[in-house]
Protein backbone atom coordinates (compact mmCIF):
# COMPACT_ATOMS: atom_id res chain seq x y z
CA ALA A 1 44.98 2.53 40.65
CA THR A 2 42.13 3.48 38.29
CA THR A 3 40.34 0.18 38.73
CA ILE A 4 40.58 0.49 42.51
CA SER A 5 39.25 4.06 42.67
CA THR A 6 36.44 3.54 40.08
CA PRO A 7 35.55 -0.19 40.10
CA VAL A 8 32.24 0.31 38.29
CA GLU A 9 32.23 1.35 34.66
CA THR A 10 29.01 2.82 33.28
CA SER A 11 28.10 2.84 29.66
CA VAL A 12 24.90 4.35 28.30
CA VAL A 13 23.27 2.78 25.22
CA SER A 14 20.47 4.71 23.51
CA ILE A 15 17.26 2.87 22.72
CA THR A 16 16.17 5.29 20.06
CA PRO A 17 17.87 5.87 16.69
CA ASP A 18 20.63 8.44 16.71
CA ASP A 19 19.28 10.52 13.82
CA LYS A 20 16.57 13.12 14.49
CA LEU A 21 14.65 12.17 11.30
CA SER A 22 13.67 8.82 12.67
CA SER A 23 12.33 10.27 15.94
CA THR A 24 10.25 12.96 14.19
CA TYR A 25 9.15 10.86 11.21
CA PRO A 26 5.97 9.55 12.84
CA TYR A 27 4.81 13.05 13.61
CA VAL A 28 5.48 14.24 10.09
CA LEU A 29 3.83 11.17 8.57
CA VAL A 30 0.61 11.69 10.55
CA LEU A 31 0.78 15.43 9.78
CA VAL A 32 0.84 14.74 6.04
CA ILE A 33 -1.96 12.15 6.38
CA MET A 34 -3.95 14.62 8.44
CA PHE A 35 -3.70 17.57 5.98
CA ILE A 36 -4.06 15.54 2.77
CA GLY A 37 -6.90 13.50 4.18
CA MET A 38 -8.95 16.51 5.35
CA LEU A 39 -8.21 18.58 2.22
CA LEU A 40 -8.81 15.76 -0.22
CA ALA A 41 -12.02 14.51 1.33
CA SER A 42 -13.57 17.91 1.84
CA ILE A 43 -12.79 19.04 -1.68
CA LEU A 44 -14.13 15.77 -3.22
CA VAL A 45 -17.39 16.15 -1.24
CA VAL A 46 -17.92 19.78 -2.16
CA ALA A 47 -17.02 19.00 -5.88
CA ASP A 48 -19.63 16.24 -5.75
CA LYS A 49 -22.28 18.55 -4.23
CA THR A 50 -21.62 21.32 -6.66
CA SER A 51 -21.22 19.33 -9.93
CA LYS A 52 -23.68 19.48 -12.79
CA ALA A 53 -24.49 15.84 -12.18
CA ALA A 54 -25.65 16.51 -8.58
CA PHE A 55 -29.25 17.00 -9.54
CA ARG A 56 -29.22 13.83 -11.72
CA ASN A 57 -27.73 11.92 -8.78
CA PHE A 58 -30.35 13.42 -6.46
CA THR A 59 -33.20 12.17 -8.67
CA THR A 60 -31.87 8.62 -9.02
CA PRO A 61 -33.23 5.92 -6.69
CA THR A 62 -29.91 5.58 -4.81
CA SER A 63 -29.71 6.45 -1.17
CA ASP A 64 -27.67 9.31 0.28
CA GLY A 65 -25.82 6.70 2.35
CA PHE A 66 -24.53 5.15 -0.94
CA HIS A 67 -23.13 8.46 -2.00
CA VAL A 68 -21.54 9.18 1.37
CA THR A 69 -20.07 5.59 1.49
CA ALA A 70 -18.72 5.93 -2.11
CA ALA A 71 -17.11 9.26 -1.36
CA PHE A 72 -15.58 7.89 1.86
CA ILE A 73 -14.16 4.82 0.08
CA THR A 74 -12.80 6.99 -2.75
CA ALA A 75 -11.11 9.46 -0.45
CA SER A 76 -9.72 6.70 1.77
CA LEU A 77 -8.32 4.68 -1.11
CA LEU A 78 -6.65 7.78 -2.59
CA LEU A 79 -5.19 8.75 0.75
CA ALA A 80 -3.95 5.13 1.32
CA ALA A 81 -2.27 5.09 -2.08
CA GLU A 82 -0.62 8.43 -1.38
CA THR A 83 0.57 7.21 2.06
CA ALA A 84 2.00 4.07 0.47
CA VAL A 85 3.95 6.13 -1.97
CA ILE A 86 5.27 8.37 0.80
CA LEU A 87 6.35 5.30 2.83
CA LEU A 88 8.07 3.76 -0.16
CA LEU A 89 9.93 6.96 -1.05
CA SER A 90 11.01 7.56 2.51
CA ARG A 91 12.18 3.98 3.06
CA PRO A 92 15.87 4.60 2.08
CA PHE A 93 16.13 7.69 4.29
CA VAL A 94 14.49 6.43 7.50
CA GLN A 95 15.47 3.16 9.10
CA LEU A 96 12.14 2.29 10.74
CA ASP A 97 9.78 -0.65 10.51
CA PHE A 98 6.74 0.18 8.48
CA THR A 99 5.50 -3.35 8.06
CA SER A 100 4.55 -4.20 11.63
CA LEU A 101 0.88 -4.82 12.41
CA PRO A 102 0.58 -1.95 14.96
CA THR A 103 2.14 0.44 12.50
CA ILE A 104 -0.13 -0.48 9.64
CA THR A 105 -3.15 -0.50 11.94
CA LEU A 106 -2.36 2.98 13.24
CA ILE A 107 -1.75 4.37 9.71
CA LEU A 108 -5.21 2.94 8.62
CA ILE A 109 -6.83 4.47 11.66
CA ALA A 110 -5.34 7.78 10.84
CA ILE A 111 -6.50 7.50 7.17
CA ILE A 112 -10.05 6.63 8.23
CA LEU A 113 -10.28 9.28 10.96
CA PHE A 114 -8.95 12.23 8.97
CA THR A 115 -10.98 11.26 5.87
CA PHE A 116 -14.10 11.35 8.12
CA PHE A 117 -13.06 14.76 9.43
CA GLY A 118 -12.58 16.04 5.82
CA MET A 119 -15.92 14.69 4.72
CA THR A 120 -17.61 16.32 7.68
CA ILE A 121 -16.02 19.60 6.72
CA GLY A 122 -16.99 19.11 3.11
CA TYR A 123 -20.63 18.46 3.91
CA LEU A 124 -20.71 21.59 6.11
CA ALA A 125 -19.01 23.81 3.50
CA ARG A 126 -20.69 25.35 0.52
CA THR A 127 -17.65 26.12 -1.65
CA GLN A 128 -14.29 24.49 -2.25
CA GLU A 129 -12.56 27.58 -0.85
CA ALA A 130 -14.47 27.40 2.38
CA ALA A 131 -13.74 23.68 2.69
CA MET A 132 -10.03 24.29 2.09
CA ILE A 133 -9.85 27.13 4.64
CA ALA A 134 -11.81 25.04 7.26
CA SER A 135 -9.59 22.00 6.72
CA ILE A 136 -6.40 24.07 7.04
CA SER A 137 -7.77 25.74 10.16
CA VAL A 138 -8.85 22.51 11.87
CA GLY A 139 -5.48 20.93 10.94
CA SER A 140 -3.56 23.92 12.26
CA VAL A 141 -5.44 23.81 15.56
CA LEU A 142 -4.72 20.12 15.92
CA LEU A 143 -1.04 20.78 15.04
CA PHE A 144 -0.49 23.57 17.54
CA VAL A 145 -2.14 21.68 20.34
CA SER A 146 0.24 18.73 19.86
CA ASN A 147 3.70 17.77 20.99
CA LEU A 148 5.39 18.62 17.68
CA LEU A 149 5.86 22.36 17.96
CA ILE A 150 5.59 23.05 21.66
CA PRO A 151 6.11 20.39 24.35
CA ILE A 152 2.88 19.52 26.16
CA GLU A 153 4.58 20.15 29.52
CA GLY A 154 5.12 23.83 28.54
CA MET A 155 1.42 24.38 27.86
CA THR A 156 -1.20 25.49 30.37
CA SER A 157 -3.15 22.88 32.30
CA VAL A 158 -6.28 23.65 30.29
CA VAL A 159 -4.46 23.04 26.96
CA GLN A 160 -2.86 19.90 28.40
CA SER A 161 -6.26 18.39 29.22
CA ILE A 162 -7.63 19.40 25.80
CA SER A 163 -4.62 17.89 24.06
CA LYS A 164 -5.47 14.43 25.45
CA PHE A 165 -8.34 14.37 22.96
CA ASN A 166 -6.28 15.57 20.00
CA PRO A 167 -6.41 12.76 17.44
CA TYR A 168 -3.25 14.00 15.74
CA LEU A 169 -1.30 13.84 19.04
CA VAL A 170 -2.68 10.44 20.14
CA ILE A 171 -2.05 8.74 16.77
CA SER A 172 1.45 10.25 16.37
CA GLU A 173 2.52 9.24 19.88
CA LEU A 174 1.23 5.68 19.27
CA LEU A 175 2.84 5.53 15.84
CA LYS A 176 6.15 6.72 17.42
CA LYS A 177 5.96 3.92 20.05
CA SER A 178 5.17 1.44 17.39
CA MET A 179 7.90 2.43 14.94
CA LEU A 180 10.68 3.29 17.34
CA TYR A 181 10.12 0.81 20.20
CA GLY A 182 8.17 -2.07 18.59
CA VAL A 183 5.12 -1.78 20.79
CA SER A 184 2.69 -4.67 20.32
CA ILE A 185 -0.88 -4.29 19.01
CA SER A 186 -2.28 -5.21 22.45
CA GLN A 187 -0.34 -2.34 24.06
CA VAL A 188 -1.45 0.08 21.35
CA SER A 189 -5.12 -0.97 21.65
CA ARG A 190 -5.09 -0.26 25.40
CA GLU A 191 -4.06 3.38 24.72
């Protein structure tokens, strides 16, 4: 009688992992990259500007572009090493694919972008304290205008339109699609 009254049986299979850690991991990873990148780069730039060797470096025949490039490479490599350690330590706890090309590409884009933001803050600041406060302030604004704390649908239309240009939100959403759903590099590059 049951098969006659309900001939169709429906079963729902989830396409995302069951644990909440896997679905929020991309947001947390980009959050860590954002804050460490901006703080590290801005503090390194301010320390370079205020060091005792700054005048000696100023009088040498090297260009300012060389110093900026060296600071950028240093901060990026340090952030990449820290990110690799974070990924290795979190590997047993999160069952996500960290080795796909879109995932690695997005992590490198996040490292480069937030290092650039940190260096910009560092060149605008005069002291390390000012650089730290500015980095934390910029990071907090990017965090609060993202999808991590408050859903975008619950924000006003003005904030929703501003959040489209939030690099933290864009990179975390793309990283989530890459890690959870296996989106290809061509689909990531379109967005």
